[in-house]
PDB file of N, CA and C in Angstrom:
ATOM      1  N   UNK A   1      79.689 116.414  76.842  1.00  0.00           N
ATOM      2  CA  UNK A   1      80.055 115.242  77.602  1.00  0.00           C
ATOM      3  C   UNK A   1      79.113 114.008  77.888  1.00  0.00           C
ATOM      4  N   UNK A   2      78.606 113.302  77.222  1.00  0.00           N
ATOM      5  CA  UNK A   2      77.664 112.450  77.385  1.00  0.00           C
ATOM      6  C   UNK A   2      78.020 110.993  78.143  1.00  0.00           C
ATOM      7  N   UNK A   3      79.313 110.926  78.157  1.00  0.00           N
ATOM      8  CA  UNK A   3      79.590 109.497  79.040  1.00  0.00           C
ATOM      9  C   UNK A   3      80.947 110.202  79.208  1.00  0.00           C
ATOM     10  N   UNK A   4      81.051 109.563  80.549  1.00  0.00           N
ATOM     11  CA  UNK A   4      82.832 109.636  81.329  1.00  0.00           C
ATOM     12  C   UNK A   4      83.369 108.326  81.524  1.00  0.00           C
ATOM     13  N   UNK A   5      84.534 108.153  81.154  1.00  0.00           N
ATOM     14  CA  UNK A   5      85.183 106.996  81.542  1.00  0.00           C
ATOM     15  C   UNK A   5      85.722 106.772  82.863  1.00  0.00           C
ATOM     16  N   UNK A   6      86.150 105.619  83.448  1.00  0.00           N
ATOM     17  CA  UNK A   6      86.089 105.844  84.751  1.00  0.00           C
ATOM     18  C   UNK A   6      87.454 104.915  84.877  1.00  0.00           C
ATOM     19  N   UNK A   7      88.396 104.742  86.086  1.00  0.00           N
ATOM     20  CA  UNK A   7      89.141 103.861  86.351  1.00  0.00           C
ATOM     21  C   UNK A   7      89.086 103.122  87.460  1.00  0.00           C
ATOM     22  N   UNK A   8      88.760 101.664  87.654  1.00  0.00           N
ATOM     23  CA  UNK A   8      88.702 100.826  88.764  1.00  0.00           C
ATOM     24  C   UNK A   8      90.052 100.125  89.048  1.00  0.00           C
ATOM     25  N   UNK A   9      90.464  99.970  90.357  1.00  0.00           N
ATOM     26  CA  UNK A   9      91.615  99.260  91.061  1.00  0.00           C
ATOM     27  C   UNK A   9      91.218  98.578  91.904  1.00  0.00           C
ATOM     28  N   UNK A  10      91.229  97.324  91.978  1.00  0.00           N
ATOM     29  CA  UNK A  10      91.125  96.537  92.957  1.00  0.00           C
ATOM     30  C   UNK A  10      92.129  96.661  94.111  1.00  0.00           C
ATOM     31  N   UNK A  11      91.977  96.779  95.126  1.00  0.00           N
ATOM     32  CA  UNK A  11      92.665  96.753  96.542  1.00  0.00           C
ATOM     33  C   UNK A  11      93.253  95.273  97.036  1.00  0.00           C
ATOM     34  N   UNK A  12      94.500  95.240  97.295  1.00  0.00           N
ATOM     35  CA  UNK A  12      95.252  93.953  97.763  1.00  0.00           C
ATOM     36  C   UNK A  12      94.581  93.346  98.953  1.00  0.00           C
ATOM     37  N   UNK A  13      94.242  92.153  98.792  1.00  0.00           N
ATOM     38  CA  UNK A  13      93.423  91.426  99.950  1.00  0.00           C
ATOM     39  C   UNK A  13      93.964  91.602 101.298  1.00  0.00           C
ATOM     40  N   UNK A  14      95.677  91.863 101.000  1.00  0.00           N
ATOM     41  CA  UNK A  14      96.159  91.634 102.704  1.00  0.00           C
ATOM     42  C   UNK A  14      96.239  93.000 102.929  1.00  0.00           C
ATOM     43  N   UNK A  15      96.248  94.158 102.358  1.00  0.00           N
ATOM     44  CA  UNK A  15      96.482  95.386 103.213  1.00  0.00           C
ATOM     45  C   UNK A  15      94.730  95.858 103.340  1.00  0.00           C
ATOM     46  N   UNK A  16      93.797  95.176 102.739  1.00  0.00           N
ATOM     47  CA  UNK A  16      92.543  95.982 102.798  1.00  0.00           C
ATOM     48  C   UNK A  16      91.315  94.927 104.060  1.00  0.00           C
ATOM     49  N   UNK A  17      92.223  94.668 104.843  1.00  0.00           N
ATOM     50  CA  UNK A  17      91.449  93.714 105.916  1.00  0.00           C
ATOM     51  C   UNK A  17      90.758  92.257 105.425  1.00  0.00           C
ATOM     52  N   UNK A  18      91.286  91.925 104.179  1.00  0.00           N
ATOM     53  CA  UNK A  18      90.919  90.414 103.661  1.00  0.00           C
ATOM     54  C   UNK A  18      89.735  90.669 103.351  1.00  0.00           C
ATOM     55  N   UNK A  19      89.134  91.926 102.844  1.00  0.00           N
ATOM     56  CA  UNK A  19      87.895  92.431 102.128  1.00  0.00           C
ATOM     57  C   UNK A  19      88.387  91.676 100.605  1.00  0.00           C
ATOM     58  N   UNK A  20      87.741  90.989  99.856  1.00  0.00           N
ATOM     59  CA  UNK A  20      88.331  90.230  98.303  1.00  0.00           C
ATOM     60  C   UNK A  20      87.780  91.380  97.368  1.00  0.00           C
ATOM     61  N   UNK A  21      86.656  92.184  97.674  1.00  0.00           N
ATOM     62  CA  UNK A  21      86.095  93.126  96.879  1.00  0.00           C
ATOM     63  C   UNK A  21      86.470  94.826  96.622  1.00  0.00           C
ATOM     64  N   UNK A  22      87.029  95.181  97.666  1.00  0.00           N
ATOM     65  CA  UNK A  22      87.517  96.300  98.147  1.00  0.00           C
ATOM     66  C   UNK A  22      88.068  96.752  96.582  1.00  0.00           C
ATOM     67  N   UNK A  23      87.447  98.223  96.124  1.00  0.00           N
ATOM     68  CA  UNK A  23      88.178  99.015  95.200  1.00  0.00           C
ATOM     69  C   UNK A  23      88.183 100.238  94.906  1.00  0.00           C
ATOM     70  N   UNK A  24      88.473 100.678  94.744  1.00  0.00           N
ATOM     71  CA  UNK A  24      88.998 101.977  94.206  1.00  0.00           C
ATOM     72  C   UNK A  24      88.031 102.406  92.800  1.00  0.00           C
ATOM     73  N   UNK A  25      87.103 103.596  92.739  1.00  0.00           N
ATOM     74  CA  UNK A  25      86.303 103.604  91.157  1.00  0.00           C
ATOM     75  C   UNK A  25      86.103 105.135  91.326  1.00  0.00           C
ATOM     76  N   UNK A  26      87.041 105.655  90.455  1.00  0.00           N
ATOM     77  CA  UNK A  26      87.223 107.008  90.102  1.00  0.00           C
ATOM     78  C   UNK A  26      86.833 107.378  88.623  1.00  0.00           C
ATOM     79  N   UNK A  27      86.194 108.464  88.662  1.00  0.00           N
ATOM     80  CA  UNK A  27      85.970 109.125  86.728  1.00  0.00           C
ATOM     81  C   UNK A  27      87.358 109.610  86.809  1.00  0.00           C
ATOM     82  N   UNK A  28      87.263 109.390  85.257  1.00  0.00           N
ATOM     83  CA  UNK A  28      88.656 110.033  84.940  1.00  0.00           C
ATOM     84  C   UNK A  28      88.272 111.639  83.990  1.00  0.00           C
ATOM     85  N   UNK A  29      86.958 111.697  84.188  1.00  0.00           N
ATOM     86  CA  UNK A  29      86.773 113.255  84.126  1.00  0.00           C
ATOM     87  C   UNK A  29      86.835 113.692  82.365  1.00  0.00           C
ATOM     88  N   UNK A  30      86.567 112.439  81.519  1.00  0.00           N
ATOM     89  CA  UNK A  30      87.131 113.047  79.867  1.00  0.00           C
ATOM     90  C   UNK A  30      86.040 111.930  79.397  1.00  0.00           C
ATOM     91  N   UNK A  31      85.177 111.880  78.080  1.00  0.00           N
ATOM     92  CA  UNK A  31      84.943 111.232  77.418  1.00  0.00           C
ATOM     93  C   UNK A  31      85.542 110.862  76.199  1.00  0.00           C
ATOM     94  N   UNK A  32      86.975 111.411  75.925  1.00  0.00           N
ATOM     95  CA  UNK A  32      88.223 111.174  74.979  1.00  0.00           C
ATOM     96  C   UNK A  32      88.735 109.511  75.412  1.00  0.00           C
ATOM     97  N   UNK A  33      88.863 108.690  74.406  1.00  0.00           N
ATOM     98  CA  UNK A  33      89.900 107.329  74.708  1.00  0.00           C
ATOM     99  C   UNK A  33      90.912 107.702  75.031  1.00  0.00           C
ATOM    100  N   UNK A  34      91.908 108.322  74.116  1.00  0.00           N
ATOM    101  CA  UNK A  34      93.030 108.598  74.356  1.00  0.00           C
ATOM    102  C   UNK A  34      93.415 108.996  75.734  1.00  0.00           C
ATOM    103  N   UNK A  35      92.659 110.486  76.036  1.00  0.00           N
ATOM    104  CA  UNK A  35      92.735 111.414  77.386  1.00  0.00           C
ATOM    105  C   UNK A  35      92.478 110.137  78.968  1.00  0.00           C
ATOM    106  N   UNK A  36      91.919 109.534  78.344  1.00  0.00           N
ATOM    107  CA  UNK A  36      91.339 108.391  79.636  1.00  0.00           C
ATOM    108  C   UNK A  36      92.384 107.298  79.682  1.00  0.00           C
ATOM    109  N   UNK A  37      92.921 106.940  78.647  1.00  0.00           N
ATOM    110  CA  UNK A  37      94.348 105.719  78.809  1.00  0.00           C
ATOM    111  C   UNK A  37      95.134 106.726  79.462  1.00  0.00           C
ATOM    112  N   UNK A  38      95.614 107.979  79.246  1.00  0.00           N
ATOM    113  CA  UNK A  38      96.548 108.532  79.757  1.00  0.00           C
ATOM    114  C   UNK A  38      96.546 108.936  81.144  1.00  0.00           C
ATOM    115  N   UNK A  39      95.177 109.733  81.426  1.00  0.00           N
ATOM    116  CA  UNK A  39      94.784 109.962  83.127  1.00  0.00           C
ATOM    117  C   UNK A  39      95.033 108.555  84.168  1.00  0.00           C
ATOM    118  N   UNK A  40      94.631 107.525  83.280  1.00  0.00           N
ATOM    119  CA  UNK A  40      94.159 106.235  83.857  1.00  0.00           C
ATOM    120  C   UNK A  40      96.020 105.700  84.410  1.00  0.00           C
ATOM    121  N   UNK A  41      96.756 105.645  83.570  1.00  0.00           N
ATOM    122  CA  UNK A  41      98.329 105.502  83.489  1.00  0.00           C
ATOM    123  C   UNK A  41      98.740 106.391  84.742  1.00  0.00           C
ATOM    124  N   UNK A  42      98.473 107.570  84.800  1.00  0.00           N
ATOM    125  CA  UNK A  42      98.831 108.837  85.696  1.00  0.00           C
ATOM    126  C   UNK A  42      98.382 108.463  87.295  1.00  0.00           C
ATOM    127  N   UNK A  43      97.189 107.685  86.895  1.00  0.00           N
ATOM    128  CA  UNK A  43      96.374 107.366  88.616  1.00  0.00           C
ATOM    129  C   UNK A  43      96.925 106.323  89.064  1.00  0.00           C
ATOM    130  N   UNK A  44      97.501 105.348  88.342  1.00  0.00           N
ATOM    131  CA  UNK A  44      97.890 104.163  88.511  1.00  0.00           C
ATOM    132  C   UNK A  44      99.384 104.162  89.034  1.00  0.00           C
ATOM    133  N   UNK A  45      99.918 105.184  88.362  1.00  0.00           N
ATOM    134  CA  UNK A  45     101.279 105.659  88.660  1.00  0.00           C
ATOM    135  C   UNK A  45     101.711 106.118  90.254  1.00  0.00           C
ATOM    136  N   UNK A  46     100.506 107.032  90.474  1.00  0.00           N
ATOM    137  CA  UNK A  46     100.547 107.736  91.830  1.00  0.00           C
ATOM    138  C   UNK A  46     100.328 106.426  93.160  1.00  0.00           C
ATOM    139  N   UNK A  47      99.224 105.551  92.100  1.00  0.00           N
ATOM    140  CA  UNK A  47      98.636 104.460  93.005  1.00  0.00           C
ATOM    141  C   UNK A  47     100.168 103.589  93.696  1.00  0.00           C
ATOM    142  N   UNK A  48     101.199 103.134  92.687  1.00  0.00           N
ATOM    143  CA  UNK A  48     101.970 102.648  92.975  1.00  0.00           C
ATOM    144  C   UNK A  48     103.004 102.956  94.011  1.00  0.00           C
ATOM    145  N   UNK A  49     102.929 104.284  93.953  1.00  0.00           N
ATOM    146  CA  UNK A  49     103.873 104.620  94.926  1.00  0.00           C
ATOM    147  C   UNK A  49     103.129 104.976  96.267  1.00  0.00           C
ATOM    148  N   UNK A  50     102.037 105.405  96.221  1.00  0.00           N
ATOM    149  CA  UNK A  50     101.367 105.595  97.488  1.00  0.00           C
ATOM    150  C   UNK A  50     100.421 104.351  97.996  1.00  0.00           C
ATOM    151  N   UNK A  51     100.604 103.264  97.518  1.00  0.00           N
ATOM    152  CA  UNK A  51      99.631 102.007  97.901  1.00  0.00           C
ATOM    153  C   UNK A  51      98.908 102.332  99.404  1.00  0.00           C
ATOM    154  N   UNK A  52     100.285 101.780  99.930  1.00  0.00           N
ATOM    155  CA  UNK A  52      99.631 101.530 101.511  1.00  0.00           C
ATOM    156  C   UNK A  52      98.924 102.518 102.176  1.00  0.00           C
ATOM    157  N   UNK A  53      99.093 103.825 101.767  1.00  0.00           N
ATOM    158  CA  UNK A  53      98.424 105.044 102.175  1.00  0.00           C
ATOM    159  C   UNK A  53      97.082 105.116 101.827  1.00  0.00           C
ATOM    160  N   UNK A  54      97.327 104.582 100.771  1.00  0.00           N
ATOM    161  CA  UNK A  54      95.731 104.809  99.787  1.00  0.00           C
ATOM    162  C   UNK A  54      94.806 103.751 100.419  1.00  0.00           C
ATOM    163  N   UNK A  55      95.277 102.663 100.714  1.00  0.00           N
ATOM    164  CA  UNK A  55      94.495 101.513 101.230  1.00  0.00           C
ATOM    165  C   UNK A  55      94.075 101.844 102.402  1.00  0.00           C
ATOM    166  N   UNK A  56      94.638 102.193 103.475  1.00  0.00           N
ATOM    167  CA  UNK A  56      94.863 102.417 104.711  1.00  0.00           C
ATOM    168  C   UNK A  56      93.852 103.478 105.081  1.00  0.00           C
ATOM    169  N   UNK A  57      93.687 104.472 104.042  1.00  0.00           N
ATOM    170  CA  UNK A  57      92.682 105.565 104.122  1.00  0.00           C
ATOM    171  C   UNK A  57      91.638 105.194 103.732  1.00  0.00           C
ATOM    172  N   UNK A  58      91.373 104.236 102.809  1.00  0.00           N
ATOM    173  CA  UNK A  58      90.107 103.878 102.024  1.00  0.00           C
ATOM    174  C   UNK A  58      89.865 102.864 103.089  1.00  0.00           C
ATOM    175  N   UNK A  59      90.419 102.155 104.012  1.00  0.00           N
ATOM    176  CA  UNK A  59      89.956 101.107 104.826  1.00  0.00           C
ATOM    177  C   UNK A  59      89.202 101.709 106.008  1.00  0.00           C
ATOM    178  N   UNK A  60      89.994 102.896 106.528  1.00  0.00           N
ATOM    179  CA  UNK A  60      89.341 103.673 107.506  1.00  0.00           C
ATOM    180  C   UNK A  60      88.192 104.750 107.211  1.00  0.00           C
ATOM    181  N   UNK A  61      88.033 104.436 105.567  1.00  0.00           N
ATOM    182  CA  UNK A  61      87.007 105.242 105.228  1.00  0.00           C
ATOM    183  C   UNK A  61      87.338 107.116 105.507  1.00  0.00           C
ATOM    184  N   UNK A  62      88.656 107.322 105.284  1.00  0.00           N
ATOM    185  CA  UNK A  62      89.211 108.644 105.549  1.00  0.00           C
ATOM    186  C   UNK A  62      89.858 108.798 104.113  1.00  0.00           C
ATOM    187  N   UNK A  63      89.132 109.088 103.209  1.00  0.00           N
ATOM    188  CA  UNK A  63      89.829 109.161 101.655  1.00  0.00           C
ATOM    189  C   UNK A  63      88.711 109.743 101.265  1.00  0.00           C
ATOM    190  N   UNK A  64      88.889 111.283 100.737  1.00  0.00           N
ATOM    191  CA  UNK A  64      88.054 111.458 100.032  1.00  0.00           C
ATOM    192  C   UNK A  64      88.154 111.853  98.414  1.00  0.00           C
ATOM    193  N   UNK A  65      87.100 111.987  97.825  1.00  0.00           N
ATOM    194  CA  UNK A  65      87.407 111.896  95.981  1.00  0.00           C
ATOM    195  C   UNK A  65      88.750 112.936  95.502  1.00  0.00           C
ATOM    196  N   UNK A  66      88.701 113.917  96.681  1.00  0.00           N
ATOM    197  CA  UNK A  66      89.538 115.183  96.175  1.00  0.00           C
ATOM    198  C   UNK A  66      91.466 114.412  96.349  1.00  0.00           C
ATOM    199  N   UNK A  67      91.327 113.527  97.523  1.00  0.00           N
ATOM    200  CA  UNK A  67      92.568 112.871  97.777  1.00  0.00           C
ATOM    201  C   UNK A  67      92.736 111.942  96.936  1.00  0.00           C
TER     202      UNK A  67
END
């Protein structure tokens, strides 16, 4: 693996203490474009279900890569 795709999701301003550039940046751990698209879609699905919890954990710096 010489390269890996990443997923970046900008956090909503209203939930992230009005910091306009707060974002999550996660490795998709693949160098295959089709796998990257599928993994990003799954990540965004989970994010949509748990948006408030993720944003608050990120704002309090209580979000580990495993989470």
